[in-house]
C-alpha cells in the first residue's frame, strides 16, 4: 500500500520551520499548556565525550497536564494528527496548537530520536517513539505500538515528574541540530 510520503521525506522535514532550538522547545511548552498543564519543566542532561568535552545527551520537556489517552499517544508523533478539530473551541480556550505538526516537526528539527511518555489518573506510564534512523534503515514511516514502560531513573533524580497522577514527558535524544550548545 502506498503512503503519502517516504522515510526520506520524513528526514527532509528536519530542516523545515524551526530556525532555533528555543522556538522548537517553545512549541512543546505551548502544547503542554494546551493540554491543561499548569507547570512545565525543561531539563538538559549532559554527558562527556571521549575528549572530556560536555555535550547535551538528552533534553526533556515535562508537564503536569492531563496526559494522553492511548489512542492520542499513538498518533502524537504523526504529522497532521490533532485533537483540536473544533475552531470555535480552539478560539474560546485560546489553544495554540491547531494542525498537529508542532510536536513531530519541532522535535525532528532538533534530534533524530523522540520518545513520549504519558500517564493518566495514576495509571501506568505508556510510551511511543519516533526513531528517524530506524525509519530510514527500514524505509518505513510506520510508528511502533504504544507500550507500557517505566520512566528512566534519571528522570526521578531530576524531579521531572511534576504530578504522579497525570502528565507527559517528551524526550529528545540524538540531538544533532541544536542551535545553542553552550
Protein backbone atom coordinates (compact mmCIF):
# COMPACT_ATOMS: atom_id res chain seq x y z
CA UNK A 1 0.00 0.00 0.00
CA UNK A 2 1.36 3.44 -0.93
CA UNK A 3 1.76 6.21 1.63
CA UNK A 4 1.74 9.95 1.12
CA UNK A 5 5.45 10.29 1.79
CA UNK A 6 8.56 8.25 2.41
CA UNK A 7 11.05 7.92 5.26
CA UNK A 8 13.39 10.16 3.24
CA UNK A 9 10.67 12.85 3.20
CA UNK A 10 10.45 12.48 6.97
CA UNK A 11 14.20 13.16 7.17
CA UNK A 12 13.86 16.25 4.97
CA UNK A 13 11.20 17.64 7.35
CA UNK A 14 14.05 18.23 9.80
CA UNK A 15 15.02 21.46 8.09
CA UNK A 16 11.56 23.00 7.89
CA UNK A 17 10.19 25.60 10.19
CA UNK A 18 12.34 25.88 13.32
CA UNK A 19 15.44 28.00 12.97
CA UNK A 20 16.41 27.86 16.62
CA UNK A 21 16.16 25.31 19.44
CA UNK A 22 14.37 27.86 21.61
CA UNK A 23 11.43 28.02 19.18
CA UNK A 24 11.21 24.24 18.99
CA UNK A 25 11.14 23.98 22.80
CA UNK A 26 8.53 26.75 22.95
CA UNK A 27 6.31 24.64 20.68
CA UNK A 28 6.36 21.79 23.21
CA UNK A 29 5.67 24.17 26.10
CA UNK A 30 2.68 25.60 24.18
CA UNK A 31 1.39 22.04 23.69
CA UNK A 32 1.70 21.42 27.44
CA UNK A 33 -0.49 24.39 28.30
CA UNK A 34 -2.96 23.40 25.57
CA UNK A 35 -3.23 20.05 27.39
CA UNK A 36 -4.17 21.62 30.71
CA UNK A 37 -0.72 21.88 32.29
CA UNK A 38 -0.09 24.50 34.95
CA UNK A 39 3.64 23.67 35.16
CA UNK A 40 6.28 22.65 32.65
CA UNK A 41 9.93 21.90 33.12
CA UNK A 42 12.74 21.70 30.58
CA UNK A 43 15.72 19.61 31.66
CA UNK A 44 19.04 19.18 29.84
CA UNK A 45 21.10 16.07 30.55
CA UNK A 46 24.79 16.37 29.77
CA UNK A 47 27.49 13.77 29.21
CA UNK A 48 31.16 13.94 28.30
CA UNK A 49 32.66 12.68 25.06
CA UNK A 50 35.97 10.84 24.59
CA UNK A 51 37.84 14.15 24.83
CA UNK A 52 36.09 15.02 28.11
CA UNK A 53 34.03 17.75 26.43
CA UNK A 54 30.47 18.20 27.63
CA UNK A 55 27.59 17.71 25.24
CA UNK A 56 23.82 17.57 25.58
CA UNK A 57 22.79 13.92 25.58
CA UNK A 58 19.06 14.41 26.13
CA UNK A 59 16.50 17.18 26.57
CA UNK A 60 13.16 16.53 28.19
CA UNK A 61 10.05 18.66 28.46
CA UNK A 62 7.77 17.52 31.26
CA UNK A 63 4.39 18.80 32.32
CA UNK A 64 1.57 18.19 34.77
CA UNK A 65 -1.10 18.25 32.06
CA UNK A 66 -3.89 15.74 31.70
CA UNK A 67 -1.75 13.16 29.90
CA UNK A 68 -2.71 11.47 26.65
CA UNK A 69 -5.06 8.54 26.25
CA UNK A 70 -3.50 5.62 24.40
CA UNK A 71 -5.10 6.45 21.03
CA UNK A 72 -3.84 10.06 21.18
CA UNK A 73 -0.38 8.94 22.31
CA UNK A 74 -0.21 6.52 19.38
CA UNK A 75 -0.73 9.33 16.86
CA UNK A 76 1.03 12.21 18.64
CA UNK A 77 4.20 11.79 16.51
CA UNK A 78 2.22 11.62 13.28
CA UNK A 79 2.31 14.76 11.13
CA UNK A 80 -1.16 16.27 10.96
CA UNK A 81 -2.68 14.31 13.85
CA UNK A 82 -4.52 16.72 16.14
CA UNK A 83 -7.19 16.59 18.79
CA UNK A 84 -8.01 20.28 18.16
CA UNK A 85 -10.66 19.93 15.47
CA UNK A 86 -13.26 22.47 16.59
CA UNK A 87 -12.20 26.02 15.61
CA UNK A 88 -14.69 27.68 17.98
CA UNK A 89 -13.33 25.70 20.94
CA UNK A 90 -9.73 26.50 19.97
CA UNK A 91 -10.52 30.22 19.93
CA UNK A 92 -12.59 30.15 23.13
CA UNK A 93 -9.96 28.15 25.04
CA UNK A 94 -7.07 30.08 23.43
CA UNK A 95 -5.38 26.90 22.27
CA UNK A 96 -2.15 27.47 20.37
CA UNK A 97 -1.81 24.13 18.57
CA UNK A 98 -4.17 23.59 15.68
CA UNK A 99 -2.74 21.45 12.94
CA UNK A 100 -0.87 18.53 14.54
CA UNK A 101 2.55 19.41 13.15
CA UNK A 102 4.15 21.00 16.22
CA UNK A 103 5.35 18.02 18.24
CA UNK A 104 6.82 15.90 15.43
CA UNK A 105 8.18 18.85 13.42
CA UNK A 106 9.72 20.74 16.35
CA UNK A 107 11.26 17.54 17.69
CA UNK A 108 12.70 16.28 14.40
CA UNK A 109 14.16 19.73 13.75
CA UNK A 110 16.45 19.15 16.74
CA UNK A 111 17.01 15.42 17.13
CA UNK A 112 16.79 12.01 15.49
CA UNK A 113 15.04 10.18 18.32
CA UNK A 114 11.87 11.25 20.13
CA UNK A 115 10.19 9.37 22.93
CA UNK A 116 6.90 10.41 24.51
CA UNK A 117 5.78 9.14 27.92
CA UNK A 118 2.24 9.75 29.21
CA UNK A 119 0.22 8.73 32.24
CA UNK A 120 -3.31 9.46 33.40
CA UNK A 121 -5.20 9.02 36.67
CA UNK A 122 -2.24 7.44 38.46
CA UNK A 123 -2.19 4.70 35.84
CA UNK A 124 0.69 3.01 34.14
CA UNK A 125 3.12 5.04 32.09
CA UNK A 126 2.71 4.44 28.34
CA UNK A 127 5.24 5.38 25.69
CA UNK A 128 5.73 5.78 21.98
CA UNK A 129 8.74 6.78 19.91
CA UNK A 130 9.93 8.01 16.58
CA UNK A 131 13.43 6.84 15.63
CA UNK A 132 14.44 8.56 12.41
CA UNK A 133 17.44 6.31 11.73
CA UNK A 134 15.32 3.19 12.23
CA UNK A 135 12.69 4.59 9.83
CA UNK A 136 15.36 5.30 7.21
CA UNK A 137 17.03 1.90 7.65
CA UNK A 138 13.69 0.09 7.32
CA UNK A 139 12.30 2.55 4.74
CA UNK A 140 9.10 2.94 6.73
CA UNK A 141 7.08 5.71 8.30
CA UNK A 142 5.06 3.34 10.49
CA UNK A 143 5.11 4.07 14.19
CA UNK A 144 5.55 1.28 16.72
CA UNK A 145 2.64 0.39 19.01
CA UNK A 146 2.20 2.19 22.32
CA UNK A 147 3.60 0.16 25.18
CA UNK A 148 3.76 0.33 28.97
CA UNK A 149 7.17 1.41 30.19
CA UNK A 150 8.82 2.66 33.37
CA UNK A 151 10.30 6.12 33.33
CA UNK A 152 14.12 6.19 33.26
CA UNK A 153 15.63 6.54 36.76
CA UNK A 154 17.45 9.76 35.88
CA UNK A 155 14.05 11.47 35.42
CA UNK A 156 13.23 10.80 39.06
CA UNK A 157 16.62 12.17 40.14
CA UNK A 158 15.94 15.36 38.15
CA UNK A 159 12.41 15.74 39.61
CA UNK A 160 10.93 15.52 36.11
CA UNK A 161 7.58 14.09 37.23
CA UNK A 162 5.52 17.14 38.12
CA UNK A 163 2.37 15.22 39.08
CA UNK A 164 2.24 11.49 39.81
CA UNK A 165 -1.43 11.33 38.76
CA UNK A 166 -1.07 12.64 35.20
CA UNK A 167 1.42 14.22 32.83
CA UNK A 168 3.64 13.93 29.81
CA UNK A 169 7.38 13.82 29.29
CA UNK A 170 8.84 14.32 25.84
CA UNK A 171 12.43 13.20 25.40
CA UNK A 172 14.75 14.39 22.65
CA UNK A 173 17.77 12.14 22.12
CA UNK A 174 20.50 12.05 19.48
CA UNK A 175 20.33 15.85 19.42
CA UNK A 176 22.37 16.78 16.37
CA UNK A 177 20.73 20.03 15.28
CA UNK A 178 20.70 22.12 18.46
CA UNK A 179 21.37 25.78 17.76
CA UNK A 180 22.81 26.70 21.16
CA UNK A 181 25.38 24.32 22.51
CA UNK A 182 26.80 26.37 25.38
